[in-house]
């Protein structure tokens, strides 16, 4: 599910919540693979859980860079 289209930069707000949740799962999994379940992983998980605006900001940054499709 792609909610951010690089060419037109349109956001499908109807699916944004699901797209961000899917991105969060992938982001946390990649952190776990890259860094293990250490301090960096724990801090990222804490931030994503406690600060939904931070999670949304990271999602938008990834979508703008085209790093990860939802």
Protein backbone atom coordinates (compact mmCIF):
# COMPACT_ATOMS: atom_id res chain seq x y z
CA UNK A 1 0.00 0.00 0.00
CA UNK A 2 1.64 3.22 -1.18
CA UNK A 3 0.22 6.41 0.29
CA UNK A 4 2.93 8.79 -0.83
CA UNK A 5 3.52 9.00 -4.55
CA UNK A 6 6.92 10.41 -5.43
CA UNK A 7 5.88 11.95 -8.75
CA UNK A 8 2.76 13.80 -7.66
CA UNK A 9 3.41 13.84 -3.90
CA UNK A 10 -0.22 13.12 -3.15
CA UNK A 11 -1.14 11.55 0.15
CA UNK A 12 -4.05 9.16 0.44
CA UNK A 13 -5.28 10.15 3.89
CA UNK A 14 -7.77 7.28 3.92
CA UNK A 15 -4.90 4.78 4.16
CA UNK A 16 -2.27 6.88 5.95
CA UNK A 17 -2.76 5.31 9.38
CA UNK A 18 -2.38 1.78 8.03
CA UNK A 19 0.63 2.80 5.93
CA UNK A 20 2.40 4.36 8.92
CA UNK A 21 1.66 1.29 11.08
CA UNK A 22 3.07 -0.98 8.37
CA UNK A 23 6.13 1.25 8.02
CA UNK A 24 6.65 1.20 11.82
CA UNK A 25 6.69 -2.61 11.87
CA UNK A 26 9.25 -2.67 9.07
CA UNK A 27 11.33 0.09 10.65
CA UNK A 28 11.47 -1.67 14.01
CA UNK A 29 12.35 -4.97 12.34
CA UNK A 30 15.18 -3.38 10.34
CA UNK A 31 16.54 -1.73 13.51
CA UNK A 32 16.47 -5.09 15.24
CA UNK A 33 18.33 -6.72 12.33
CA UNK A 34 20.90 -3.90 12.09
CA UNK A 35 21.55 -3.24 15.77
CA UNK A 36 20.16 -6.19 17.70
CA UNK A 37 17.89 -5.64 20.67
CA UNK A 38 20.28 -3.26 22.39
CA UNK A 39 19.95 0.31 23.58
CA UNK A 40 19.47 1.94 20.13
CA UNK A 41 16.68 -0.50 19.29
CA UNK A 42 14.98 -0.01 22.65
CA UNK A 43 15.14 3.79 22.33
CA UNK A 44 13.66 3.73 18.82
CA UNK A 45 10.84 1.43 19.93
CA UNK A 46 10.17 3.68 22.93
CA UNK A 47 10.07 6.79 20.72
CA UNK A 48 7.74 5.17 18.22
CA UNK A 49 5.39 4.06 21.00
CA UNK A 50 5.46 7.23 23.09
CA UNK A 51 5.73 9.90 20.40
CA UNK A 52 3.44 9.22 17.43
CA UNK A 53 4.48 12.54 15.85
CA UNK A 54 8.09 11.31 15.75
CA UNK A 55 6.95 8.12 14.05
CA UNK A 56 4.99 10.14 11.49
CA UNK A 57 7.97 12.42 10.88
CA UNK A 58 10.29 9.44 10.26
CA UNK A 59 7.70 7.89 7.94
CA UNK A 60 7.39 11.10 5.91
CA UNK A 61 11.18 11.47 5.71
CA UNK A 62 11.52 7.90 4.43
CA UNK A 63 8.75 8.40 1.88
CA UNK A 64 10.30 11.63 0.63
CA UNK A 65 13.66 9.95 0.19
CA UNK A 66 11.99 6.98 -1.45
CA UNK A 67 13.68 4.62 0.99
CA UNK A 68 10.73 2.47 1.74
CA UNK A 69 7.33 1.94 0.20
CA UNK A 70 4.44 1.17 2.46
